[in-house]
């Protein structure tokens, strides 16, 4: 990227002719359009990189859950081995609020 100026060349602008000012205006508008294009390209690259990073994070978490779930499975099997059907006694023991209660709570 090129170095940019933050202040207009006042001495030049105050003494410039109409044609020179128009030329200067067009050159600044062209430069602004080029910057906008660069920003758009950079923004798209930034979004792609963040998406790739988020996908990697999601995969890391999914694999960690799979490992954690695999480690917990033998303990759960040992606890339920006393049951003839092999089904846990605490299946769906968590109480979930009914949809009507959830709507009224808000």
C-alpha atoms as a PDB file:
ATOM      1  CA  UNK A   1       0.000   0.000   0.000  1.00  0.00           C
ATOM      2  CA  UNK A   2       1.125   3.476  -0.698  1.00  0.00           C
ATOM      3  CA  UNK A   3       1.682   6.144   1.898  1.00  0.00           C
ATOM      4  CA  UNK A   4      -1.193   8.605   2.023  1.00  0.00           C
ATOM      5  CA  UNK A   5      -1.432  12.309   2.694  1.00  0.00           C
ATOM      6  CA  UNK A   6      -3.981  13.492   5.218  1.00  0.00           C
ATOM      7  CA  UNK A   7      -3.963  17.176   4.299  1.00  0.00           C
ATOM      8  CA  UNK A   8      -4.739  18.788   0.967  1.00  0.00           C
ATOM      9  CA  UNK A   9      -2.008  20.972  -0.595  1.00  0.00           C
ATOM     10  CA  UNK A  10      -3.728  24.259   0.272  1.00  0.00           C
ATOM     11  CA  UNK A  11      -1.238  26.546  -1.405  1.00  0.00           C
ATOM     12  CA  UNK A  12      -1.605  24.686  -4.674  1.00  0.00           C
ATOM     13  CA  UNK A  13      -5.388  24.450  -4.462  1.00  0.00           C
ATOM     14  CA  UNK A  14      -5.906  28.116  -3.642  1.00  0.00           C
ATOM     15  CA  UNK A  15      -3.890  29.269  -6.637  1.00  0.00           C
ATOM     16  CA  UNK A  16      -4.920  26.585  -9.162  1.00  0.00           C
ATOM     17  CA  UNK A  17      -7.056  27.269 -12.204  1.00  0.00           C
ATOM     18  CA  UNK A  18     -10.498  25.763 -12.692  1.00  0.00           C
ATOM     19  CA  UNK A  19      -9.157  23.110 -15.083  1.00  0.00           C
ATOM     20  CA  UNK A  20      -6.394  22.177 -12.661  1.00  0.00           C
ATOM     21  CA  UNK A  21      -8.889  21.894  -9.780  1.00  0.00           C
ATOM     22  CA  UNK A  22     -11.131  19.677 -11.914  1.00  0.00           C
ATOM     23  CA  UNK A  23      -8.170  17.487 -12.800  1.00  0.00           C
ATOM     24  CA  UNK A  24      -7.162  17.305  -9.141  1.00  0.00           C
ATOM     25  CA  UNK A  25     -10.743  16.423  -8.167  1.00  0.00           C
ATOM     26  CA  UNK A  26     -10.878  13.602 -10.730  1.00  0.00           C
ATOM     27  CA  UNK A  27      -7.520  12.227  -9.616  1.00  0.00           C
ATOM     28  CA  UNK A  28      -8.672  12.194  -5.963  1.00  0.00           C
ATOM     29  CA  UNK A  29     -11.953  10.486  -6.906  1.00  0.00           C
ATOM     30  CA  UNK A  30     -10.037   7.865  -8.902  1.00  0.00           C
ATOM     31  CA  UNK A  31      -7.714   7.308  -5.954  1.00  0.00           C
ATOM     32  CA  UNK A  32     -10.698   7.003  -3.605  1.00  0.00           C
ATOM     33  CA  UNK A  33     -12.303   4.433  -5.950  1.00  0.00           C
ATOM     34  CA  UNK A  34      -9.063   2.421  -6.004  1.00  0.00           C
ATOM     35  CA  UNK A  35      -8.903   2.483  -2.216  1.00  0.00           C
ATOM     36  CA  UNK A  36     -12.504   1.309  -2.004  1.00  0.00           C
ATOM     37  CA  UNK A  37     -11.664  -1.593  -4.312  1.00  0.00           C
ATOM     38  CA  UNK A  38      -8.645  -2.504  -2.162  1.00  0.00           C
ATOM     39  CA  UNK A  39     -10.748  -2.312   0.982  1.00  0.00           C
ATOM     40  CA  UNK A  40     -13.389  -4.570  -0.563  1.00  0.00           C
ATOM     41  CA  UNK A  41     -10.723  -7.100  -1.525  1.00  0.00           C
ATOM     42  CA  UNK A  42      -9.177  -6.988   1.935  1.00  0.00           C
ATOM     43  CA  UNK A  43     -12.564  -7.306   3.610  1.00  0.00           C
ATOM     44  CA  UNK A  44     -13.397 -10.359   1.526  1.00  0.00           C
ATOM     45  CA  UNK A  45     -10.035 -11.934   2.374  1.00  0.00           C
ATOM     46  CA  UNK A  46     -10.576 -11.139   6.055  1.00  0.00           C
ATOM     47  CA  UNK A  47     -13.999 -12.796   5.986  1.00  0.00           C
ATOM     48  CA  UNK A  48     -12.595 -15.896   4.266  1.00  0.00           C
ATOM     49  CA  UNK A  49      -9.757 -16.179   6.778  1.00  0.00           C
ATOM     50  CA  UNK A  50     -12.115 -15.772   9.741  1.00  0.00           C
ATOM     51  CA  UNK A  51     -14.466 -18.364   8.260  1.00  0.00           C
ATOM     52  CA  UNK A  52     -11.600 -20.829   7.843  1.00  0.00           C
ATOM     53  CA  UNK A  53     -10.431 -20.185  11.404  1.00  0.00           C
ATOM     54  CA  UNK A  54     -13.958 -20.638  12.777  1.00  0.00           C
ATOM     55  CA  UNK A  55     -14.334 -23.893  10.856  1.00  0.00           C
ATOM     56  CA  UNK A  56     -11.066 -25.140  12.342  1.00  0.00           C
ATOM     57  CA  UNK A  57     -12.244 -24.153  15.845  1.00  0.00           C
ATOM     58  CA  UNK A  58     -15.554 -25.964  15.292  1.00  0.00           C
ATOM     59  CA  UNK A  59     -13.729 -29.119  14.161  1.00  0.00           C
ATOM     60  CA  UNK A  60     -11.426 -28.935  17.193  1.00  0.00           C
ATOM     61  CA  UNK A  61     -14.439 -28.689  19.499  1.00  0.00           C
ATOM     62  CA  UNK A  62     -16.279 -31.522  17.733  1.00  0.00           C
ATOM     63  CA  UNK A  63     -13.265 -33.794  18.031  1.00  0.00           C
ATOM     64  CA  UNK A  64     -12.848 -32.870  21.691  1.00  0.00           C
ATOM     65  CA  UNK A  65     -16.514 -33.686  22.323  1.00  0.00           C
ATOM     66  CA  UNK A  66     -16.066 -37.024  20.560  1.00  0.00           C
ATOM     67  CA  UNK A  67     -13.042 -37.843  22.732  1.00  0.00           C
ATOM     68  CA  UNK A  68     -14.834 -36.710  25.886  1.00  0.00           C
ATOM     69  CA  UNK A  69     -17.923 -38.699  24.908  1.00  0.00           C
ATOM     70  CA  UNK A  70     -15.816 -41.798  24.211  1.00  0.00           C
ATOM     71  CA  UNK A  71     -14.142 -41.485  27.609  1.00  0.00           C
ATOM     72  CA  UNK A  72     -17.499 -41.194  29.363  1.00  0.00           C
ATOM     73  CA  UNK A  73     -19.093 -44.112  27.493  1.00  0.00           C
ATOM     74  CA  UNK A  74     -17.286 -46.951  29.382  1.00  0.00           C
ATOM     75  CA  UNK A  75     -18.342 -45.443  32.714  1.00  0.00           C
ATOM     76  CA  UNK A  76     -21.932 -45.135  31.531  1.00  0.00           C
ATOM     77  CA  UNK A  77     -21.885 -48.728  30.239  1.00  0.00           C
ATOM     78  CA  UNK A  78     -20.531 -49.987  33.561  1.00  0.00           C
ATOM     79  CA  UNK A  79     -23.265 -48.151  35.444  1.00  0.00           C
ATOM     80  CA  UNK A  80     -26.023 -49.537  33.249  1.00  0.00           C
ATOM     81  CA  UNK A  81     -24.650 -53.106  33.043  1.00  0.00           C
ATOM     82  CA  UNK A  82     -26.835 -54.119  35.981  1.00  0.00           C
ATOM     83  CA  UNK A  83     -29.940 -53.369  33.913  1.00  0.00           C
ATOM     84  CA  UNK A  84     -31.133 -56.410  31.897  1.00  0.00           C
ATOM     85  CA  UNK A  85     -32.113 -54.288  28.889  1.00  0.00           C
ATOM     86  CA  UNK A  86     -28.961 -52.179  28.991  1.00  0.00           C
ATOM     87  CA  UNK A  87     -31.028 -49.010  29.144  1.00  0.00           C
ATOM     88  CA  UNK A  88     -30.189 -46.334  31.639  1.00  0.00           C
ATOM     89  CA  UNK A  89     -32.707 -45.672  34.395  1.00  0.00           C
ATOM     90  CA  UNK A  90     -32.143 -41.953  34.103  1.00  0.00           C
ATOM     91  CA  UNK A  91     -33.193 -41.673  30.452  1.00  0.00           C
ATOM     92  CA  UNK A  92     -34.684 -38.201  29.922  1.00  0.00           C
ATOM     93  CA  UNK A  93     -34.675 -37.429  33.622  1.00  0.00           C
ATOM     94  CA  UNK A  94     -33.866 -33.788  32.966  1.00  0.00           C
ATOM     95  CA  UNK A  95     -36.952 -31.650  33.144  1.00  0.00           C
ATOM     96  CA  UNK A  96     -37.403 -29.348  30.202  1.00  0.00           C
ATOM     97  CA  UNK A  97     -39.836 -26.434  30.357  1.00  0.00           C
ATOM     98  CA  UNK A  98     -42.886 -26.850  28.200  1.00  0.00           C
ATOM     99  CA  UNK A  99     -43.172 -24.563  25.168  1.00  0.00           C
ATOM    100  CA  UNK A 100     -46.055 -22.712  26.788  1.00  0.00           C
ATOM    101  CA  UNK A 101     -44.001 -21.962  29.922  1.00  0.00           C
ATOM    102  CA  UNK A 102     -41.085 -20.781  27.800  1.00  0.00           C
ATOM    103  CA  UNK A 103     -43.252 -18.318  25.919  1.00  0.00           C
ATOM    104  CA  UNK A 104     -44.813 -16.887  29.069  1.00  0.00           C
ATOM    105  CA  UNK A 105     -41.461 -16.512  30.840  1.00  0.00           C
ATOM    106  CA  UNK A 106     -40.225 -13.798  28.443  1.00  0.00           C
END
